[in-house]
All heavy atoms as atom14 arrays in JSON, in Angstrom:
{
  "sequence": "YAVGMACALAIERIKRRHDLVTYSEIVAFSRGEALDEVRERGALARRH",
  "atom14_mask": [
    [1, 1, 1, 1, 1, 1, 1, 1, 1, 1, 1, 1, 0, 0],
    [1, 1, 1, 1, 1, 0, 0, 0, 0, 0, 0, 0, 0, 0],
    [1, 1, 1, 1, 1, 1, 1, 0, 0, 0, 0, 0, 0, 0],
    [1, 1, 1, 1, 0, 0, 0, 0, 0, 0, 0, 0, 0, 0],
    [1, 1, 1, 1, 1, 1, 1, 1, 0, 0, 0, 0, 0, 0],
    [1, 1, 1, 1, 1, 0, 0, 0, 0, 0, 0, 0, 0, 0],
    [1, 1, 1, 1, 1, 1, 0, 0, 0, 0, 0, 0, 0, 0],
    [1, 1, 1, 1, 1, 0, 0, 0, 0, 0, 0, 0, 0, 0],
    [1, 1, 1, 1, 1, 1, 1, 1, 0, 0, 0, 0, 0, 0],
    [1, 1, 1, 1, 1, 0, 0, 0, 0, 0, 0, 0, 0, 0],
    [1, 1, 1, 1, 1, 1, 1, 1, 0, 0, 0, 0, 0, 0],
    [1, 1, 1, 1, 1, 1, 1, 1, 1, 0, 0, 0, 0, 0],
    [1, 1, 1, 1, 1, 1, 1, 1, 1, 1, 1, 0, 0, 0],
    [1, 1, 1, 1, 1, 1, 1, 1, 0, 0, 0, 0, 0, 0],
    [1, 1, 1, 1, 1, 1, 1, 1, 1, 0, 0, 0, 0, 0],
    [1, 1, 1, 1, 1, 1, 1, 1, 1, 1, 1, 0, 0, 0],
    [1, 1, 1, 1, 1, 1, 1, 1, 1, 1, 1, 0, 0, 0],
    [1, 1, 1, 1, 1, 1, 1, 1, 1, 1, 0, 0, 0, 0],
    [1, 1, 1, 1, 1, 1, 1, 1, 0, 0, 0, 0, 0, 0],
    [1, 1, 1, 1, 1, 1, 1, 1, 0, 0, 0, 0, 0, 0],
    [1, 1, 1, 1, 1, 1, 1, 0, 0, 0, 0, 0, 0, 0],
    [1, 1, 1, 1, 1, 1, 1, 0, 0, 0, 0, 0, 0, 0],
    [1, 1, 1, 1, 1, 1, 1, 1, 1, 1, 1, 1, 0, 0],
    [1, 1, 1, 1, 1, 1, 0, 0, 0, 0, 0, 0, 0, 0],
    [1, 1, 1, 1, 1, 1, 1, 1, 1, 0, 0, 0, 0, 0],
    [1, 1, 1, 1, 1, 1, 1, 1, 0, 0, 0, 0, 0, 0],
    [1, 1, 1, 1, 1, 1, 1, 0, 0, 0, 0, 0, 0, 0],
    [1, 1, 1, 1, 1, 0, 0, 0, 0, 0, 0, 0, 0, 0],
    [1, 1, 1, 1, 1, 1, 1, 1, 1, 1, 1, 0, 0, 0],
    [1, 1, 1, 1, 1, 1, 0, 0, 0, 0, 0, 0, 0, 0],
    [1, 1, 1, 1, 1, 1, 1, 1, 1, 1, 1, 0, 0, 0],
    [1, 1, 1, 1, 0, 0, 0, 0, 0, 0, 0, 0, 0, 0],
    [1, 1, 1, 1, 1, 1, 1, 1, 1, 0, 0, 0, 0, 0],
    [1, 1, 1, 1, 1, 0, 0, 0, 0, 0, 0, 0, 0, 0],
    [1, 1, 1, 1, 1, 1, 1, 1, 0, 0, 0, 0, 0, 0],
    [1, 1, 1, 1, 1, 1, 1, 1, 0, 0, 0, 0, 0, 0],
    [1, 1, 1, 1, 1, 1, 1, 1, 1, 0, 0, 0, 0, 0],
    [1, 1, 1, 1, 1, 1, 1, 0, 0, 0, 0, 0, 0, 0],
    [1, 1, 1, 1, 1, 1, 1, 1, 1, 1, 1, 0, 0, 0],
    [1, 1, 1, 1, 1, 1, 1, 1, 1, 0, 0, 0, 0, 0],
    [1, 1, 1, 1, 1, 1, 1, 1, 1, 1, 1, 0, 0, 0],
    [1, 1, 1, 1, 0, 0, 0, 0, 0, 0, 0, 0, 0, 0],
    [1, 1, 1, 1, 1, 0, 0, 0, 0, 0, 0, 0, 0, 0],
    [1, 1, 1, 1, 1, 1, 1, 1, 0, 0, 0, 0, 0, 0],
    [1, 1, 1, 1, 1, 0, 0, 0, 0, 0, 0, 0, 0, 0],
    [1, 1, 1, 1, 1, 1, 1, 1, 1, 1, 1, 0, 0, 0],
    [1, 1, 1, 1, 1, 1, 1, 1, 1, 1, 1, 0, 0, 0],
    [1, 1, 1, 1, 1, 1, 1, 1, 1, 1, 0, 0, 0, 0]
  ],
  "atom14_positions": [
    [[0.87, -1.09, -0.01], [0.07, 0.03, -0.02], [0.87, 1.27, 0.0], [0.6, 2.26, -0.64], [-0.91, -0.02, 1.17], [-2.09, 1.06, 1.23], [-3.18, 1.01, 0.44], [-1.74, 2.26, 1.88], [-4.04, 1.94, 0.51], [-2.7, 3.24, 1.89], [-3.91, 3.06, 1.2], [-4.86, 4.05, 1.06], [0.0, 0.0, 0.0], [0.0, 0.0, 0.0]],
    [[1.94, 1.2, 0.74], [2.88, 2.38, 0.83], [3.49, 2.54, -0.57], [3.62, 3.8, -1.0], [3.91, 2.13, 1.83], [0.0, 0.0, 0.0], [0.0, 0.0, 0.0], [0.0, 0.0, 0.0], [0.0, 0.0, 0.0], [0.0, 0.0, 0.0], [0.0, 0.0, 0.0], [0.0, 0.0, 0.0], [0.0, 0.0, 0.0], [0.0, 0.0, 0.0]],
    [[3.87, 1.5, -1.28], [4.38, 1.69, -2.66], [3.27, 2.33, -3.61], [3.6, 3.38, -4.3], [4.82, 0.42, -3.27], [5.11, 0.46, -4.73], [5.96, -0.18, -2.57], [0.0, 0.0, 0.0], [0.0, 0.0, 0.0], [0.0, 0.0, 0.0], [0.0, 0.0, 0.0], [0.0, 0.0, 0.0], [0.0, 0.0, 0.0], [0.0, 0.0, 0.0]],
    [[2.07, 1.9, -3.43], [1.08, 2.4, -4.22], [0.73, 3.96, -3.99], [0.67, 4.74, -4.84], [0.0, 0.0, 0.0], [0.0, 0.0, 0.0], [0.0, 0.0, 0.0], [0.0, 0.0, 0.0], [0.0, 0.0, 0.0], [0.0, 0.0, 0.0], [0.0, 0.0, 0.0], [0.0, 0.0, 0.0], [0.0, 0.0, 0.0], [0.0, 0.0, 0.0]],
    [[0.83, 4.24, -2.68], [0.74, 5.7, -2.35], [1.83, 6.55, -2.68], [1.74, 7.67, -3.2], [0.55, 5.83, -0.79], [-0.85, 5.4, -0.29], [-2.22, 6.27, -0.86], [-2.77, 5.16, -2.27], [0.0, 0.0, 0.0], [0.0, 0.0, 0.0], [0.0, 0.0, 0.0], [0.0, 0.0, 0.0], [0.0, 0.0, 0.0], [0.0, 0.0, 0.0]],
    [[3.05, 5.93, -2.67], [4.21, 6.76, -3.25], [4.16, 6.97, -4.66], [4.52, 8.11, -5.25], [5.58, 5.92, -2.94], [0.0, 0.0, 0.0], [0.0, 0.0, 0.0], [0.0, 0.0, 0.0], [0.0, 0.0, 0.0], [0.0, 0.0, 0.0], [0.0, 0.0, 0.0], [0.0, 0.0, 0.0], [0.0, 0.0, 0.0], [0.0, 0.0, 0.0]],
    [[3.65, 6.09, -5.41], [3.37, 6.26, -6.88], [2.36, 7.3, -7.13], [2.53, 8.22, -8.0], [3.0, 4.87, -7.57], [4.36, 3.63, -7.54], [0.0, 0.0, 0.0], [0.0, 0.0, 0.0], [0.0, 0.0, 0.0], [0.0, 0.0, 0.0], [0.0, 0.0, 0.0], [0.0, 0.0, 0.0], [0.0, 0.0, 0.0], [0.0, 0.0, 0.0]],
    [[1.35, 7.28, -6.35], [0.24, 8.14, -6.46], [0.84, 9.74, -6.26], [0.4, 10.7, -6.84], [-0.82, 8.01, -5.47], [0.0, 0.0, 0.0], [0.0, 0.0, 0.0], [0.0, 0.0, 0.0], [0.0, 0.0, 0.0], [0.0, 0.0, 0.0], [0.0, 0.0, 0.0], [0.0, 0.0, 0.0], [0.0, 0.0, 0.0], [0.0, 0.0, 0.0]],
    [[1.68, 9.88, -5.22], [2.34, 11.1, -4.99], [3.13, 11.58, -6.02], [3.22, 12.77, -6.35], [2.93, 11.06, -3.59], [2.18, 10.89, -2.22], [3.06, 10.53, -1.07], [1.32, 12.19, -2.08], [0.0, 0.0, 0.0], [0.0, 0.0, 0.0], [0.0, 0.0, 0.0], [0.0, 0.0, 0.0], [0.0, 0.0, 0.0], [0.0, 0.0, 0.0]],
    [[3.87, 10.66, -6.64], [4.7, 10.9, -7.78], [3.98, 11.48, -9.0], [4.27, 12.38, -9.67], [5.56, 9.78, -8.24], [0.0, 0.0, 0.0], [0.0, 0.0, 0.0], [0.0, 0.0, 0.0], [0.0, 0.0, 0.0], [0.0, 0.0, 0.0], [0.0, 0.0, 0.0], [0.0, 0.0, 0.0], [0.0, 0.0, 0.0], [0.0, 0.0, 0.0]],
    [[2.78, 10.86, -9.13], [1.91, 11.42, -10.23], [1.45, 12.85, -9.83], [1.35, 13.69, -10.78], [0.58, 10.48, -10.27], [0.99, 9.06, -10.74], [-0.44, 11.19, -11.15], [-0.08, 8.1, -10.79], [0.0, 0.0, 0.0], [0.0, 0.0, 0.0], [0.0, 0.0, 0.0], [0.0, 0.0, 0.0], [0.0, 0.0, 0.0], [0.0, 0.0, 0.0]],
    [[1.0, 13.06, -8.6], [0.65, 14.46, -8.28], [1.84, 15.53, -8.42], [1.42, 16.55, -8.74], [0.3, 14.48, -6.72], [-1.11, 13.74, -6.43], [-2.26, 14.37, -7.13], [-2.4, 15.61, -7.17], [-3.06, 13.68, -7.69], [0.0, 0.0, 0.0], [0.0, 0.0, 0.0], [0.0, 0.0, 0.0], [0.0, 0.0, 0.0], [0.0, 0.0, 0.0]],
    [[3.06, 15.09, -8.17], [4.16, 16.02, -8.43], [4.29, 16.35, -9.89], [4.45, 17.49, -10.34], [5.38, 15.34, -7.97], [5.58, 15.47, -6.49], [7.02, 15.19, -6.12], [7.33, 13.74, -6.36], [7.27, 12.71, -5.45], [6.68, 12.89, -4.2], [7.7, 11.5, -5.81], [0.0, 0.0, 0.0], [0.0, 0.0, 0.0], [0.0, 0.0, 0.0]],
    [[4.17, 15.38, -10.7], [4.05, 15.63, -12.21], [2.93, 16.46, -12.55], [3.03, 17.49, -13.36], [3.97, 14.31, -13.04], [5.31, 13.48, -12.76], [3.81, 14.53, -14.55], [5.17, 12.07, -13.43], [0.0, 0.0, 0.0], [0.0, 0.0, 0.0], [0.0, 0.0, 0.0], [0.0, 0.0, 0.0], [0.0, 0.0, 0.0], [0.0, 0.0, 0.0]],
    [[1.69, 16.22, -12.03], [0.58, 17.18, -12.32], [0.75, 18.57, -11.88], [0.49, 19.53, -12.61], [-0.64, 16.54, -11.61], [-1.27, 15.3, -12.25], [-2.32, 14.61, -11.37], [-3.43, 15.49, -11.06], [-4.37, 14.89, -10.16], [0.0, 0.0, 0.0], [0.0, 0.0, 0.0], [0.0, 0.0, 0.0], [0.0, 0.0, 0.0], [0.0, 0.0, 0.0]],
    [[1.4, 18.69, -10.72], [1.73, 20.09, -10.33], [2.79, 20.76, -11.28], [2.6, 21.95, -11.53], [2.28, 19.98, -8.79], [1.26, 19.92, -7.77], [1.54, 20.27, -6.48], [2.7, 19.55, -6.04], [2.72, 18.38, -5.35], [1.49, 17.94, -5.14], [3.8, 17.76, -5.03], [0.0, 0.0, 0.0], [0.0, 0.0, 0.0], [0.0, 0.0, 0.0]],
    [[3.72, 19.98, -11.68], [4.82, 20.63, -12.55], [4.13, 21.19, -13.93], [4.7, 22.14, -14.39], [5.83, 19.47, -12.96], [7.18, 19.71, -12.27], [8.22, 18.96, -12.92], [8.03, 17.68, -13.62], [8.07, 16.53, -13.08], [8.42, 16.31, -11.9], [7.91, 15.41, -13.76], [0.0, 0.0, 0.0], [0.0, 0.0, 0.0], [0.0, 0.0, 0.0]],
    [[3.16, 20.48, -14.35], [2.46, 20.88, -15.55], [1.07, 21.66, -15.36], [0.31, 21.97, -16.24], [2.3, 19.71, -16.46], [3.57, 19.15, -16.94], [4.29, 19.47, -17.96], [4.19, 18.05, -16.51], [5.43, 18.86, -18.12], [5.38, 17.96, -17.23], [0.0, 0.0, 0.0], [0.0, 0.0, 0.0], [0.0, 0.0, 0.0], [0.0, 0.0, 0.0]],
    [[0.86, 21.98, -14.08], [-0.37, 22.74, -13.67], [-1.57, 21.88, -14.28], [-2.46, 22.57, -14.79], [-0.32, 24.09, -14.3], [-1.51, 24.9, -13.76], [-1.87, 24.7, -12.47], [-1.93, 25.94, -14.36], [0.0, 0.0, 0.0], [0.0, 0.0, 0.0], [0.0, 0.0, 0.0], [0.0, 0.0, 0.0], [0.0, 0.0, 0.0], [0.0, 0.0, 0.0]],
    [[-1.59, 20.56, -13.93], [-2.71, 19.74, -14.3], [-3.65, 19.62, -13.09], [-3.1, 19.14, -12.06], [-2.18, 18.36, -14.77], [-1.27, 18.29, -15.9], [-0.82, 16.95, -16.22], [-1.92, 18.93, -17.21], [0.0, 0.0, 0.0], [0.0, 0.0, 0.0], [0.0, 0.0, 0.0], [0.0, 0.0, 0.0], [0.0, 0.0, 0.0], [0.0, 0.0, 0.0]],
    [[-4.86, 19.86, -13.14], [-5.78, 19.78, -12.06], [-6.84, 18.78, -12.23], [-7.18, 17.97, -11.46], [-6.44, 21.12, -11.73], [-7.51, 21.04, -10.62], [-5.4, 22.17, -11.39], [0.0, 0.0, 0.0], [0.0, 0.0, 0.0], [0.0, 0.0, 0.0], [0.0, 0.0, 0.0], [0.0, 0.0, 0.0], [0.0, 0.0, 0.0], [0.0, 0.0, 0.0]],
    [[-7.5, 18.82, -13.42], [-8.66, 17.97, -13.68], [-8.31, 16.67, -14.57], [-7.17, 16.61, -15.26], [-9.81, 18.7, -14.34], [-9.3, 19.04, -15.83], [-10.13, 19.95, -13.62], [0.0, 0.0, 0.0], [0.0, 0.0, 0.0], [0.0, 0.0, 0.0], [0.0, 0.0, 0.0], [0.0, 0.0, 0.0], [0.0, 0.0, 0.0], [0.0, 0.0, 0.0]],
    [[-9.07, 15.74, -14.67], [-8.82, 14.49, -15.41], [-8.81, 14.92, -16.91], [-7.87, 14.37, -17.72], [-10.08, 13.52, -15.19], [-9.74, 12.26, -16.07], [-8.78, 11.33, -15.74], [-10.6, 12.01, -17.16], [-8.7, 10.12, -16.46], [-10.46, 10.93, -18.0], [-9.43, 10.02, -17.61], [-9.33, 8.8, -18.39], [0.0, 0.0, 0.0], [0.0, 0.0, 0.0]],
    [[-9.67, 15.86, -17.33], [-9.6, 16.35, -18.85], [-8.32, 16.85, -19.14], [-7.77, 16.71, -20.2], [-10.72, 17.28, -18.97], [-11.97, 16.72, -18.75], [0.0, 0.0, 0.0], [0.0, 0.0, 0.0], [0.0, 0.0, 0.0], [0.0, 0.0, 0.0], [0.0, 0.0, 0.0], [0.0, 0.0, 0.0], [0.0, 0.0, 0.0], [0.0, 0.0, 0.0]],
    [[-7.73, 17.63, -18.18], [-6.34, 18.2, -18.46], [-5.29, 17.22, -18.53], [-4.36, 17.21, -19.41], [-6.03, 19.29, -17.26], [-6.9, 20.45, -17.43], [-6.7, 21.29, -16.14], [-5.71, 21.12, -15.49], [-7.48, 22.23, -15.86], [0.0, 0.0, 0.0], [0.0, 0.0, 0.0], [0.0, 0.0, 0.0], [0.0, 0.0, 0.0], [0.0, 0.0, 0.0]],
    [[-5.38, 16.17, -17.74], [-4.31, 15.05, -17.81], [-4.48, 14.31, -19.17], [-3.46, 14.01, -19.71], [-4.55, 13.99, -16.63], [-4.46, 14.72, -15.33], [-3.72, 12.88, -16.78], [-4.8, 14.05, -14.12], [0.0, 0.0, 0.0], [0.0, 0.0, 0.0], [0.0, 0.0, 0.0], [0.0, 0.0, 0.0], [0.0, 0.0, 0.0], [0.0, 0.0, 0.0]],
    [[-5.65, 14.06, -19.59], [-5.92, 13.35, -20.88], [-5.38, 14.14, -22.05], [-4.66, 13.7, -22.95], [-7.32, 13.1, -21.08], [-7.59, 12.61, -22.6], [-7.88, 12.07, -20.13], [0.0, 0.0, 0.0], [0.0, 0.0, 0.0], [0.0, 0.0, 0.0], [0.0, 0.0, 0.0], [0.0, 0.0, 0.0], [0.0, 0.0, 0.0], [0.0, 0.0, 0.0]],
    [[-5.6, 15.6, -22.0], [-5.26, 16.5, -23.02], [-3.72, 16.62, -23.09], [-3.09, 16.49, -24.11], [-5.79, 17.83, -22.91], [0.0, 0.0, 0.0], [0.0, 0.0, 0.0], [0.0, 0.0, 0.0], [0.0, 0.0, 0.0], [0.0, 0.0, 0.0], [0.0, 0.0, 0.0], [0.0, 0.0, 0.0], [0.0, 0.0, 0.0], [0.0, 0.0, 0.0]],
    [[-3.1, 16.56, -21.82], [-1.7, 16.63, -21.7], [-0.96, 15.3, -22.29], [-0.07, 15.47, -22.96], [-1.24, 16.78, -20.22], [0.18, 16.64, -19.98], [1.13, 17.64, -20.32], [0.73, 15.4, -19.42], [2.46, 17.49, -20.03], [2.07, 15.33, -19.3], [2.94, 16.36, -19.47], [0.0, 0.0, 0.0], [0.0, 0.0, 0.0], [0.0, 0.0, 0.0]],
    [[-1.54, 14.19, -21.88], [-1.03, 12.98, -22.54], [-1.11, 12.77, -23.96], [-0.33, 12.07, -24.62], [-1.74, 11.77, -21.85], [-2.97, 11.74, -22.26], [0.0, 0.0, 0.0], [0.0, 0.0, 0.0], [0.0, 0.0, 0.0], [0.0, 0.0, 0.0], [0.0, 0.0, 0.0], [0.0, 0.0, 0.0], [0.0, 0.0, 0.0], [0.0, 0.0, 0.0]],
    [[-2.14, 13.53, -24.51], [-2.32, 13.42, -25.94], [-1.49, 14.57, -26.7], [-1.55, 14.67, -27.91], [-3.75, 13.57, -26.34], [-4.47, 12.29, -25.91], [-5.93, 12.51, -26.15], [-6.83, 11.4, -25.84], [-8.13, 11.34, -25.8], [-8.82, 12.39, -26.16], [-8.76, 10.25, -25.46], [0.0, 0.0, 0.0], [0.0, 0.0, 0.0], [0.0, 0.0, 0.0]],
    [[-0.82, 15.48, -25.99], [-0.15, 16.44, -26.62], [-0.93, 17.54, -27.14], [-0.58, 18.58, -27.86], [0.0, 0.0, 0.0], [0.0, 0.0, 0.0], [0.0, 0.0, 0.0], [0.0, 0.0, 0.0], [0.0, 0.0, 0.0], [0.0, 0.0, 0.0], [0.0, 0.0, 0.0], [0.0, 0.0, 0.0], [0.0, 0.0, 0.0], [0.0, 0.0, 0.0]],
    [[-2.19, 17.76, -26.49], [-3.16, 18.72, -26.89], [-3.0, 19.92, -26.24], [-2.4, 20.08, -25.05], [-4.57, 18.19, -26.86], [-4.9, 16.87, -27.64], [-6.24, 16.28, -27.34], [-6.95, 16.84, -26.48], [-6.56, 15.31, -28.01], [0.0, 0.0, 0.0], [0.0, 0.0, 0.0], [0.0, 0.0, 0.0], [0.0, 0.0, 0.0], [0.0, 0.0, 0.0]],
    [[-3.52, 21.14, -26.57], [-3.49, 22.48, -25.94], [-4.3, 22.24, -24.64], [-5.44, 21.72, -24.71], [-4.03, 23.56, -26.77], [0.0, 0.0, 0.0], [0.0, 0.0, 0.0], [0.0, 0.0, 0.0], [0.0, 0.0, 0.0], [0.0, 0.0, 0.0], [0.0, 0.0, 0.0], [0.0, 0.0, 0.0], [0.0, 0.0, 0.0], [0.0, 0.0, 0.0]],
    [[-3.89, 22.73, -23.59], [-4.54, 22.66, -22.32], [-5.53, 23.81, -22.05], [-6.5, 23.7, -21.21], [-3.59, 22.49, -21.08], [-2.62, 21.28, -21.09], [-1.53, 21.38, -20.15], [-3.61, 20.02, -20.95], [0.0, 0.0, 0.0], [0.0, 0.0, 0.0], [0.0, 0.0, 0.0], [0.0, 0.0, 0.0], [0.0, 0.0, 0.0], [0.0, 0.0, 0.0]],
    [[-5.25, 24.9, -22.6], [-5.97, 26.14, -22.17], [-7.49, 26.01, -22.48], [-8.35, 26.61, -21.7], [-5.43, 27.45, -23.0], [-4.08, 27.91, -22.5], [-3.81, 27.51, -21.31], [-3.32, 28.37, -23.29], [0.0, 0.0, 0.0], [0.0, 0.0, 0.0], [0.0, 0.0, 0.0], [0.0, 0.0, 0.0], [0.0, 0.0, 0.0], [0.0, 0.0, 0.0]],
    [[-7.91, 25.5, -23.6], [-9.26, 25.18, -23.85], [-9.99, 24.45, -22.78], [-10.98, 24.69, -22.43], [-9.49, 24.73, -25.17], [-9.1, 25.63, -26.29], [-9.42, 24.97, -27.73], [-10.06, 23.89, -27.71], [-9.02, 25.6, -28.76], [0.0, 0.0, 0.0], [0.0, 0.0, 0.0], [0.0, 0.0, 0.0], [0.0, 0.0, 0.0], [0.0, 0.0, 0.0]],
    [[-9.27, 23.4, -22.4], [-9.82, 22.54, -21.28], [-9.87, 23.31, -20.07], [-10.88, 23.23, -19.28], [-8.75, 21.25, -21.12], [-9.36, 20.34, -20.05], [-8.83, 20.47, -22.46], [0.0, 0.0, 0.0], [0.0, 0.0, 0.0], [0.0, 0.0, 0.0], [0.0, 0.0, 0.0], [0.0, 0.0, 0.0], [0.0, 0.0, 0.0], [0.0, 0.0, 0.0]],
    [[-8.82, 24.0, -19.71], [-8.85, 24.86, -18.47], [-9.93, 25.92, -18.38], [-10.52, 26.18, -17.43], [-7.41, 25.51, -18.23], [-6.52, 24.46, -17.85], [-5.1, 25.12, -17.86], [-3.99, 24.1, -17.5], [-2.77, 24.08, -17.77], [-2.4, 25.16, -18.66], [-1.97, 23.31, -17.32], [0.0, 0.0, 0.0], [0.0, 0.0, 0.0], [0.0, 0.0, 0.0]],
    [[-10.23, 26.49, -19.62], [-11.17, 27.57, -19.67], [-12.76, 27.12, -19.43], [-13.56, 27.9, -19.28], [-11.09, 28.21, -21.05], [-9.86, 29.2, -21.06], [-9.62, 29.77, -22.51], [-10.62, 29.58, -23.24], [-8.66, 30.41, -22.62], [0.0, 0.0, 0.0], [0.0, 0.0, 0.0], [0.0, 0.0, 0.0], [0.0, 0.0, 0.0], [0.0, 0.0, 0.0]],
    [[-12.89, 25.8, -19.54], [-14.26, 25.29, -19.32], [-14.57, 25.43, -17.79], [-15.83, 25.26, -17.46], [-14.25, 23.78, -19.68], [-14.09, 23.54, -21.24], [-13.97, 22.1, -21.47], [-13.53, 21.85, -22.85], [-13.08, 20.74, -23.34], [-12.99, 19.68, -22.44], [-12.63, 20.61, -24.49], [0.0, 0.0, 0.0], [0.0, 0.0, 0.0], [0.0, 0.0, 0.0]],
    [[-13.55, 25.82, -17.04], [-13.96, 26.12, -15.56], [-14.38, 24.93, -14.84], [-15.34, 25.04, -14.08], [0.0, 0.0, 0.0], [0.0, 0.0, 0.0], [0.0, 0.0, 0.0], [0.0, 0.0, 0.0], [0.0, 0.0, 0.0], [0.0, 0.0, 0.0], [0.0, 0.0, 0.0], [0.0, 0.0, 0.0], [0.0, 0.0, 0.0], [0.0, 0.0, 0.0]],
    [[-13.57, 23.87, -14.91], [-13.92, 22.74, -13.95], [-13.91, 23.12, -12.45], [-13.31, 23.98, -12.14], [-12.94, 21.63, -14.24], [0.0, 0.0, 0.0], [0.0, 0.0, 0.0], [0.0, 0.0, 0.0], [0.0, 0.0, 0.0], [0.0, 0.0, 0.0], [0.0, 0.0, 0.0], [0.0, 0.0, 0.0], [0.0, 0.0, 0.0], [0.0, 0.0, 0.0]],
    [[-14.67, 22.27, -11.76], [-14.79, 22.6, -10.28], [-13.52, 22.66, -9.65], [-13.23, 23.52, -8.8], [-15.7, 21.53, -9.69], [-15.86, 21.57, -8.13], [-16.69, 22.89, -7.79], [-16.49, 20.4, -7.51], [0.0, 0.0, 0.0], [0.0, 0.0, 0.0], [0.0, 0.0, 0.0], [0.0, 0.0, 0.0], [0.0, 0.0, 0.0], [0.0, 0.0, 0.0]],
    [[-12.57, 21.67, -9.93], [-11.26, 21.59, -9.14], [-10.52, 22.81, -9.42], [-9.7, 23.3, -8.68], [-10.58, 20.39, -9.59], [0.0, 0.0, 0.0], [0.0, 0.0, 0.0], [0.0, 0.0, 0.0], [0.0, 0.0, 0.0], [0.0, 0.0, 0.0], [0.0, 0.0, 0.0], [0.0, 0.0, 0.0], [0.0, 0.0, 0.0], [0.0, 0.0, 0.0]],
    [[-10.54, 23.58, -10.61], [-9.84, 24.77, -10.93], [-10.43, 25.99, -10.44], [-9.75, 26.83, -9.96], [-9.48, 24.79, -12.42], [-8.59, 25.86, -12.79], [-8.01, 25.82, -14.18], [-7.17, 24.64, -14.42], [-5.73, 24.64, -14.11], [-5.31, 25.81, -13.46], [-5.09, 23.62, -14.18], [0.0, 0.0, 0.0], [0.0, 0.0, 0.0], [0.0, 0.0, 0.0]],
    [[-11.79, 25.95, -10.49], [-12.46, 27.22, -10.09], [-12.6, 27.28, -8.59], [-12.5, 28.39, -7.88], [-13.92, 27.34, -10.55], [-14.02, 27.63, -12.11], [-15.51, 27.78, -12.6], [-15.9, 26.31, -12.66], [-17.25, 26.08, -12.18], [-18.03, 26.92, -11.8], [-17.73, 24.88, -12.43], [0.0, 0.0, 0.0], [0.0, 0.0, 0.0], [0.0, 0.0, 0.0]],
    [[-12.65, 26.06, -7.99], [-12.85, 26.05, -6.44], [-11.81, 25.05, -5.93], [-12.28, 23.87, -5.58], [-14.24, 25.75, -6.02], [-15.24, 26.6, -6.58], [-15.46, 27.95, -6.22], [-16.16, 26.42, -7.57], [-16.4, 28.54, -6.89], [-16.82, 27.57, -7.73], [0.0, 0.0, 0.0], [0.0, 0.0, 0.0], [0.0, 0.0, 0.0], [0.0, 0.0, 0.0]]
  ]
}
């Protein structure tokens, strides 16, 4: 379980490095797509 949590924290660090908040942003990032349009949709996690 500790290994799993360490991996999850590593994912969070990568997300913070690229300013990824929502699942849609992560998918767009992994596909090499522009993130701004996704961010402008105003997902809950980014607005609040």
